[in-house]
Amino acid sequence: TVDRTGSIASCMPKTPWASEKTYTVAVTAGVKDRAGNPLLAPKEFSFTMGSFPRLVDHAPKDGATGVSVTAPITLTFSRAMKTSSVEASFSLDKGYSCTWAWNSTQTIGTCTIKPQVLEDNAVTATLTMAATDLVGVPLRRPTTFRFLTGPAPTVVAHAPANDAKGVPANQTVKVTFSEPMNPATVSLSFVPSAPCPLTWNAEQTEVSCALEGVMDTAYTATVKAAASDRAGNPIPADLVFKFLTGPAPTLTSSAPAADAVFVPLTGELTLAFSEPMDQASVQAAFAFSPSVGTPVLTWNAEGTSVTIAPGGAFSAGQLVTWSVGTGAKDRAGNPLAAPATASFKLRQLYTKKLYSDVTKDGYLATACITGTVYPASAMSQFS
């Protein structure tokens, strides 16, 4: 626009000027007076738009939880501030106030809250536009932020333990917290899904449920981090633990029996289990002592009974010890309830001379017969 005299022109930008930005204005020789005379020479000039000071950061953040009751509030500005104006324009609710300290450039103010904030207490902080920089330029906008003091609740125990095996399918699952919780915020879920209605103790520090699970099933239990105490402080992270329902397999019988004697020299052993087993894990967990080779396992169709050949020859009369450890697992992965070990003794070799009795055999005078025998019980008696 041009004023009435025609000597002053002004313009407004189509978009707002950007703060802290330099602009250049050019007036060309195409500008003429009313008689048509052009401008004697083009003209350029530059200017830089001013800016408002800004609050670029603060701690605690808006919505922060579990904040220490001794934590200070820090305000960080884009440039040096008039400290007295900031202190006068900053306020806390619930009767709290600040003792202030500033860095050397007057860009960071630290408020030590007094009196000390109570635990589990929500605090609102407000900074108005009355805060100014050193030349009196105010903040462009006010700021309000809220935070919640801790402590944050934690999980102090849970049952079953992580990676527990042989857990009953009707196990009571428990989670214990460090402080009373808001039950409405606590969820306990299972994968695969299983019914488990929650109940709380009177203090609301422990939640439990009777699992309606399936035997020999791997479950993952989760308590989400949204679980909060009564003040609204959440647990730091999701609680996740895994367990495997049972039953744990047991060894129901062995043949030869423990401490058996006069066992055939093949040394074969048969073990029976309470449920189908993972065959590779049984082989890895089994051992003969002494070892005479790699044991050869032959299973029945159900996977509940195995006959084990030693893979070599034991000596006659040998004391053989076998063992199977808890590394042996059923097909679901549950380990053997307890390790098992026993010994048996193989048959002994005896040499017996049989002398002739002329009054009985009538023709063998002094000769004798020598033979090797394998007694089934005590040494055989000859007559």
Protein backbone atom coordinates (compact mmCIF):
# COMPACT_ATOMS: atom_id res chain seq x y z
CA THR A 1 0.00 0.00 0.00
CA VAL A 2 1.07 3.62 -0.66
CA ASP A 3 0.11 6.53 1.58
CA ARG A 4 -1.71 9.69 0.36
CA THR A 5 1.45 11.58 -0.37
CA GLY A 6 2.71 8.76 -2.57
CA SER A 7 6.05 8.86 -0.84
CA ILE A 8 5.63 5.94 1.64
CA ALA A 9 4.94 2.36 0.57
CA SER A 10 4.39 -0.56 2.95
CA CYS A 11 3.70 -4.26 2.58
CA MET A 12 2.60 -7.16 4.76
CA PRO A 13 3.88 -10.68 4.06
CA LYS A 14 1.38 -13.32 2.92
CA THR A 15 2.78 -15.63 5.62
CA PRO A 16 4.03 -14.54 9.07
CA TRP A 17 7.64 -13.52 9.46
CA ALA A 18 9.82 -16.31 10.89
CA SER A 19 11.62 -15.45 14.08
CA GLU A 20 15.41 -15.30 14.03
CA LYS A 21 15.45 -15.16 10.22
CA THR A 22 17.11 -12.53 7.98
CA TYR A 23 15.06 -11.04 5.08
CA THR A 24 16.26 -8.89 2.15
CA VAL A 25 14.01 -6.24 0.48
CA ALA A 26 14.87 -5.11 -3.08
CA VAL A 27 13.43 -1.94 -4.71
CA THR A 28 14.18 -1.92 -8.44
CA ALA A 29 14.60 0.95 -10.96
CA GLY A 30 11.18 0.08 -12.33
CA VAL A 31 9.66 2.21 -9.56
CA LYS A 32 8.62 5.62 -11.00
CA ASP A 33 7.30 8.87 -9.68
CA ARG A 34 3.93 10.25 -10.81
CA ALA A 35 5.59 12.03 -13.73
CA GLY A 36 7.07 8.73 -14.94
CA ASN A 37 10.66 9.30 -13.87
CA PRO A 38 12.33 6.03 -12.78
CA LEU A 39 14.15 5.54 -9.53
CA LEU A 40 17.66 6.92 -9.82
CA ALA A 41 19.16 3.60 -8.59
CA PRO A 42 17.84 0.30 -7.22
CA LYS A 43 17.99 -0.20 -3.48
CA GLU A 44 18.35 -3.23 -1.21
CA PHE A 45 18.25 -3.55 2.56
CA SER A 46 18.12 -6.46 5.00
CA PHE A 47 16.70 -7.01 8.45
CA THR A 48 16.49 -9.86 10.95
CA MET A 49 13.30 -10.68 12.77
CA GLY A 50 13.49 -10.83 16.52
CA SER A 51 12.53 -13.90 18.58
CA PHE A 52 10.97 -14.88 21.83
CA PRO A 53 12.90 -16.83 24.43
CA ARG A 54 11.76 -20.43 24.64
CA LEU A 55 11.65 -23.12 27.29
CA VAL A 56 13.45 -25.84 25.33
CA ASP A 57 13.45 -28.57 27.98
CA HIS A 58 12.39 -29.38 31.50
CA ALA A 59 12.77 -32.26 33.93
CA PRO A 60 10.83 -34.11 35.08
CA LYS A 61 8.97 -34.56 31.79
CA ASP A 62 5.24 -34.04 31.58
CA GLY A 63 3.52 -37.22 32.78
CA ALA A 64 6.67 -38.66 34.37
CA THR A 65 6.05 -41.28 37.05
CA GLY A 66 8.17 -42.80 39.78
CA VAL A 67 10.08 -39.52 40.21
CA SER A 68 12.40 -39.47 43.21
CA VAL A 69 11.14 -37.28 46.05
CA THR A 70 14.57 -35.63 46.14
CA ALA A 71 14.76 -34.96 42.39
CA PRO A 72 15.07 -31.23 41.49
CA ILE A 73 13.18 -29.50 38.69
CA THR A 74 15.35 -28.12 35.90
CA LEU A 75 14.27 -25.53 33.30
CA THR A 76 16.41 -25.05 30.18
CA PHE A 77 15.90 -21.91 28.03
CA SER A 78 16.98 -20.94 24.52
CA ARG A 79 18.93 -17.92 25.81
CA ALA A 80 19.94 -16.08 28.94
CA MET A 81 16.99 -15.19 31.12
CA LYS A 82 16.26 -12.61 33.74
CA THR A 83 16.42 -15.05 36.63
CA SER A 84 14.21 -13.05 38.98
CA SER A 85 11.40 -13.03 36.38
CA VAL A 86 11.59 -16.79 35.93
CA GLU A 87 11.54 -17.44 39.66
CA ALA A 88 8.58 -15.12 40.12
CA SER A 89 6.60 -16.66 37.25
CA PHE A 90 7.20 -20.30 38.20
CA SER A 91 4.89 -22.02 40.68
CA LEU A 92 4.09 -25.44 42.12
CA ASP A 93 0.75 -26.59 43.49
CA LYS A 94 0.06 -28.07 46.92
CA GLY A 95 2.04 -25.38 48.69
CA TYR A 96 5.46 -26.40 47.37
CA SER A 97 8.05 -23.74 46.51
CA CYS A 98 11.59 -23.57 45.13
CA THR A 99 15.10 -22.76 46.18
CA TRP A 100 16.77 -21.66 42.94
CA ALA A 101 20.25 -22.10 41.46
CA TRP A 102 21.40 -21.00 37.96
CA ASN A 103 24.25 -21.88 35.64
CA SER A 104 26.75 -19.21 34.64
CA THR A 105 24.97 -18.39 31.34
CA GLN A 106 21.60 -18.02 33.05
CA THR A 107 20.03 -20.52 30.63
CA ILE A 108 19.39 -23.35 33.10
CA GLY A 109 17.54 -22.86 36.35
CA THR A 110 17.37 -25.60 39.00
CA CYS A 111 14.55 -25.67 41.53
CA THR A 112 15.04 -27.63 44.73
CA ILE A 113 11.54 -28.28 45.99
CA LYS A 114 10.71 -27.39 49.56
CA PRO A 115 9.46 -28.93 51.68
CA GLN A 116 10.50 -32.31 50.27
CA VAL A 117 7.73 -33.82 48.17
CA LEU A 118 5.85 -36.74 49.68
CA GLU A 119 5.98 -40.21 48.13
CA ASP A 120 3.27 -41.11 45.60
CA ASN A 121 2.36 -37.43 45.23
CA ALA A 122 1.21 -35.74 42.01
CA VAL A 123 2.76 -32.29 41.47
CA THR A 124 1.80 -29.64 38.88
CA ALA A 125 4.38 -27.03 37.77
CA THR A 126 3.45 -23.84 35.87
CA LEU A 127 5.66 -21.27 34.10
CA THR A 128 3.86 -18.15 32.84
CA MET A 129 4.74 -15.69 30.06
CA ALA A 130 5.93 -13.23 32.68
CA ALA A 131 9.35 -14.88 32.47
CA THR A 132 11.59 -12.67 30.27
CA ASP A 133 15.05 -12.65 28.74
CA LEU A 134 17.68 -10.11 29.73
CA VAL A 135 16.16 -7.35 27.56
CA GLY A 136 12.62 -8.00 28.71
CA VAL A 137 11.26 -10.13 25.85
CA PRO A 138 8.74 -12.54 27.39
CA LEU A 139 8.23 -16.21 26.71
CA ARG A 140 6.03 -16.79 23.67
CA ARG A 141 3.77 -19.24 25.52
CA PRO A 142 3.22 -20.54 29.06
CA THR A 143 4.10 -24.11 30.06
CA THR A 144 2.45 -26.52 32.47
CA PHE A 145 3.73 -30.01 33.30
CA ARG A 146 2.80 -32.64 35.82
CA PHE A 147 4.74 -35.49 37.42
CA LEU A 148 4.20 -38.19 40.01
CA THR A 149 6.69 -39.07 42.71
CA GLY A 150 7.57 -42.67 43.43
CA PRO A 151 8.56 -45.15 44.41
CA ALA A 152 7.43 -47.20 41.42
CA PRO A 153 6.07 -50.59 42.45
CA THR A 154 8.11 -53.67 41.61
CA VAL A 155 7.42 -57.39 41.41
CA VAL A 156 9.19 -59.00 44.35
CA ALA A 157 8.15 -62.61 43.69
CA HIS A 158 6.07 -64.81 41.45
CA ALA A 159 5.13 -68.45 41.35
CA PRO A 160 5.77 -70.62 39.45
CA ALA A 161 9.37 -69.54 38.97
CA ASN A 162 10.52 -68.73 35.45
CA ASP A 163 11.20 -71.90 33.40
CA ALA A 164 9.70 -74.12 36.10
CA LYS A 165 8.92 -77.66 34.94
CA GLY A 166 6.44 -80.24 36.13
CA VAL A 167 4.05 -77.56 37.38
CA PRO A 168 0.58 -78.90 38.29
CA ALA A 169 -2.04 -78.02 35.68
CA ASN A 170 -4.18 -76.56 38.49
CA GLN A 171 -1.28 -74.53 39.93
CA THR A 172 -2.11 -71.41 41.94
CA VAL A 173 -0.25 -68.66 40.11
CA LYS A 174 0.88 -65.78 42.35
CA VAL A 175 2.47 -62.38 41.77
CA THR A 176 3.65 -60.32 44.76
CA PHE A 177 4.28 -56.55 44.52
CA SER A 178 6.36 -54.21 46.65
CA GLU A 179 3.36 -52.06 47.63
CA PRO A 180 -0.46 -51.98 47.43
CA MET A 181 -1.70 -51.92 43.85
CA ASN A 182 -4.74 -50.62 42.00
CA PRO A 183 -6.42 -53.94 41.04
CA ALA A 184 -8.24 -52.32 38.12
CA THR A 185 -4.90 -51.76 36.38
CA VAL A 186 -3.48 -55.28 36.87
CA SER A 187 -3.98 -58.02 34.30
CA LEU A 188 -2.52 -61.53 34.26
CA SER A 189 -2.75 -63.33 30.93
CA PHE A 190 -1.56 -66.68 29.61
CA VAL A 191 -0.45 -68.00 26.23
CA PRO A 192 -1.96 -70.38 25.32
CA SER A 193 -5.09 -68.94 26.87
CA ALA A 194 -6.24 -70.53 30.11
CA PRO A 195 -8.93 -69.49 32.61
CA CYS A 196 -7.44 -68.03 35.79
CA PRO A 197 -9.78 -65.63 37.68
CA LEU A 198 -7.83 -63.16 39.85
CA THR A 199 -8.15 -62.71 43.61
CA TRP A 200 -6.28 -60.26 45.87
CA ASN A 201 -5.06 -60.41 49.43
CA ALA A 202 -6.43 -57.84 51.89
CA GLU A 203 -3.41 -55.54 51.47
CA GLN A 204 -3.68 -55.67 47.66
CA THR A 205 0.00 -56.54 47.41
CA GLU A 206 -0.49 -60.06 46.04
CA VAL A 207 -2.68 -61.30 43.22
CA SER A 208 -3.31 -64.99 42.66
CA CYS A 209 -5.42 -67.26 40.51
CA ALA A 210 -6.13 -70.97 40.23
CA LEU A 211 -4.97 -71.97 36.77
CA GLU A 212 -7.29 -74.18 34.78
CA GLY A 213 -4.50 -75.48 32.59
CA VAL A 214 -3.73 -78.52 30.47
CA MET A 215 -1.11 -81.12 31.41
CA ASP A 216 2.24 -81.14 29.58
CA THR A 217 1.68 -77.63 28.18
CA ALA A 218 4.16 -74.74 28.00
CA TYR A 219 2.60 -71.48 29.25
CA THR A 220 3.81 -67.88 29.11
CA ALA A 221 2.35 -65.60 31.80
CA THR A 222 2.38 -61.80 31.43
CA VAL A 223 1.59 -58.88 33.74
CA LYS A 224 1.52 -55.69 31.65
CA ALA A 225 3.49 -52.60 32.66
CA ALA A 226 0.20 -50.74 32.98
CA ALA A 227 -0.12 -52.37 36.43
CA SER A 228 0.02 -49.41 38.82
CA ASP A 229 0.05 -48.67 42.52
CA ARG A 230 -2.75 -46.70 44.14
CA ALA A 231 -1.07 -43.39 43.27
CA GLY A 232 -0.75 -44.31 39.59
CA ASN A 233 2.92 -45.30 39.41
CA PRO A 234 3.30 -48.28 37.02
CA ILE A 235 5.71 -51.18 37.31
CA PRO A 236 8.89 -50.50 35.27
CA ALA A 237 8.25 -53.12 32.56
CA ASP A 238 6.10 -56.07 31.60
CA LEU A 239 6.57 -59.11 33.84
CA VAL A 240 6.92 -62.24 31.69
CA PHE A 241 7.59 -65.74 33.03
CA LYS A 242 7.26 -69.19 31.51
CA PHE A 243 6.50 -72.59 32.95
CA LEU A 244 5.67 -76.13 31.82
CA THR A 245 2.84 -78.10 33.35
CA GLY A 246 3.44 -81.69 34.43
CA PRO A 247 3.30 -84.31 35.53
CA ALA A 248 7.03 -84.99 35.70
CA PRO A 249 7.84 -88.51 34.46
CA THR A 250 9.05 -91.15 36.93
CA LEU A 251 10.93 -94.41 36.57
CA THR A 252 8.43 -97.11 37.54
CA SER A 253 10.57 -100.23 37.28
CA SER A 254 13.91 -101.68 36.20
CA ALA A 255 14.96 -105.20 35.23
CA PRO A 256 17.25 -106.64 36.45
CA ALA A 257 16.18 -105.33 39.83
CA ALA A 258 18.55 -103.33 41.98
CA ASP A 259 21.30 -105.49 43.50
CA ALA A 260 20.34 -108.52 41.39
CA VAL A 261 23.01 -111.22 41.02
CA PHE A 262 23.70 -113.97 38.48
CA VAL A 263 22.45 -111.66 35.70
CA PRO A 264 22.96 -112.99 32.15
CA LEU A 265 26.21 -111.89 30.55
CA THR A 266 24.41 -109.82 27.92
CA GLY A 267 23.91 -107.20 30.64
CA GLU A 268 20.72 -105.92 29.04
CA LEU A 269 18.61 -103.57 31.15
CA THR A 270 14.92 -102.68 30.75
CA LEU A 271 13.53 -99.44 32.18
CA ALA A 272 9.84 -98.53 32.38
CA PHE A 273 8.58 -94.93 32.71
CA SER A 274 5.29 -93.46 33.84
CA GLU A 275 4.65 -91.76 30.47
CA PRO A 276 6.04 -91.56 26.91
CA MET A 277 9.59 -90.20 26.90
CA ASP A 278 11.74 -88.12 24.61
CA GLN A 279 14.06 -90.86 23.42
CA ALA A 280 17.07 -88.69 22.56
CA SER A 281 17.08 -87.11 26.03
CA VAL A 282 16.93 -90.52 27.72
CA GLN A 283 19.89 -91.77 25.71
CA ALA A 284 21.89 -88.65 26.56
CA ALA A 285 21.05 -88.99 30.27
CA PHE A 286 21.80 -92.73 30.56
CA ALA A 287 25.12 -94.39 31.36
CA PHE A 288 26.58 -97.80 32.26
CA SER A 289 29.60 -98.04 34.54
CA PRO A 290 31.93 -99.44 33.47
CA SER A 291 31.27 -98.34 29.92
CA VAL A 292 31.94 -100.97 27.25
CA GLY A 293 30.55 -99.05 24.28
CA THR A 294 27.70 -96.85 23.20
CA PRO A 295 24.45 -98.18 24.69
CA VAL A 296 21.83 -99.29 22.17
CA LEU A 297 18.25 -98.37 23.12
CA THR A 298 15.21 -100.21 21.82
CA TRP A 299 11.83 -98.66 22.65
CA ASN A 300 8.33 -100.06 22.76
CA ALA A 301 5.72 -98.47 20.51
CA GLU A 302 4.32 -96.29 23.29
CA GLY A 303 7.70 -94.84 24.22
CA THR A 304 7.26 -95.85 27.85
CA SER A 305 9.68 -98.80 28.04
CA VAL A 306 13.23 -99.15 26.75
CA THR A 307 15.62 -102.09 26.62
CA ILE A 308 19.23 -101.02 26.78
CA ALA A 309 22.10 -103.15 25.49
CA PRO A 310 25.55 -102.11 26.75
CA GLY A 311 27.09 -101.84 23.26
CA GLY A 312 29.92 -104.19 24.23
CA ALA A 313 30.74 -107.17 26.43
CA PHE A 314 30.94 -107.02 30.19
CA SER A 315 33.21 -109.45 32.03
CA ALA A 316 31.71 -112.43 33.79
CA GLY A 317 31.08 -111.62 37.43
CA GLN A 318 31.24 -107.89 36.63
CA LEU A 319 29.45 -105.47 38.98
CA VAL A 320 27.57 -103.12 36.65
CA THR A 321 26.08 -99.79 37.74
CA TRP A 322 23.59 -97.90 35.59
CA SER A 323 22.23 -94.37 36.00
CA VAL A 324 19.72 -92.11 34.31
CA GLY A 325 19.72 -88.40 35.19
CA THR A 326 17.10 -85.68 35.20
CA GLY A 327 18.19 -84.71 31.70
CA ALA A 328 15.79 -87.45 30.61
CA LYS A 329 12.54 -85.76 29.65
CA ASP A 330 9.04 -86.66 28.62
CA ARG A 331 7.80 -85.58 25.21
CA ALA A 332 6.56 -82.25 26.59
CA GLY A 333 9.99 -81.43 28.05
CA ASN A 334 9.39 -82.23 31.71
CA PRO A 335 12.53 -83.73 33.29
CA LEU A 336 12.57 -86.97 35.21
CA ALA A 337 11.26 -86.31 38.72
CA ALA A 338 14.43 -87.72 40.29
CA PRO A 339 17.64 -89.33 39.03
CA ALA A 340 17.84 -93.12 39.31
CA THR A 341 20.78 -95.47 39.74
CA ALA A 342 21.24 -99.13 40.70
CA SER A 343 23.68 -101.99 40.30
CA PHE A 344 23.55 -105.65 39.37
CA LYS A 345 26.15 -108.42 39.15
CA LEU A 346 26.71 -110.66 36.16
CA ARG A 347 27.06 -114.46 36.39
CA GLN A 348 30.43 -115.83 37.47
CA LEU A 349 32.42 -118.54 35.65
CA TYR A 350 33.45 -121.59 37.70
CA THR A 351 35.55 -124.65 36.77
CA LYS A 352 34.50 -127.95 38.34
CA LYS A 353 36.33 -131.30 38.16
CA LEU A 354 34.08 -134.38 38.18
CA TYR A 355 35.95 -137.47 39.35
CA SER A 356 34.91 -140.99 38.45
CA ASP A 357 33.62 -143.31 41.13
CA VAL A 358 34.37 -146.84 39.91
CA THR A 359 31.69 -148.29 42.11
CA LYS A 360 29.10 -146.21 40.31
CA ASP A 361 30.25 -145.79 36.73
CA GLY A 362 32.01 -149.11 36.47
CA TYR A 363 34.40 -148.16 33.71
CA LEU A 364 36.06 -144.79 34.46
CA ALA A 365 38.93 -145.55 36.75
CA THR A 366 41.01 -142.45 37.33
CA ALA A 367 39.95 -140.07 34.57
CA CYS A 368 38.07 -136.92 35.30
CA ILE A 369 35.80 -134.57 33.38
CA THR A 370 36.47 -130.82 33.58
CA GLY A 371 33.67 -128.40 32.61
CA THR A 372 32.70 -124.70 32.86
CA VAL A 373 29.33 -123.84 34.37
CA TYR A 374 27.25 -120.63 34.72
CA PRO A 375 25.25 -121.04 37.92
CA ALA A 376 21.85 -119.40 38.04
CA SER A 377 21.98 -119.04 41.79
CA ALA A 378 24.66 -120.37 44.09
CA MET A 379 27.41 -122.62 42.69
CA SER A 380 25.82 -125.80 41.35
CA GLN A 381 26.18 -128.94 43.38
CA PHE A 382 27.43 -132.02 41.60
CA SER A 383 27.12 -135.67 42.58
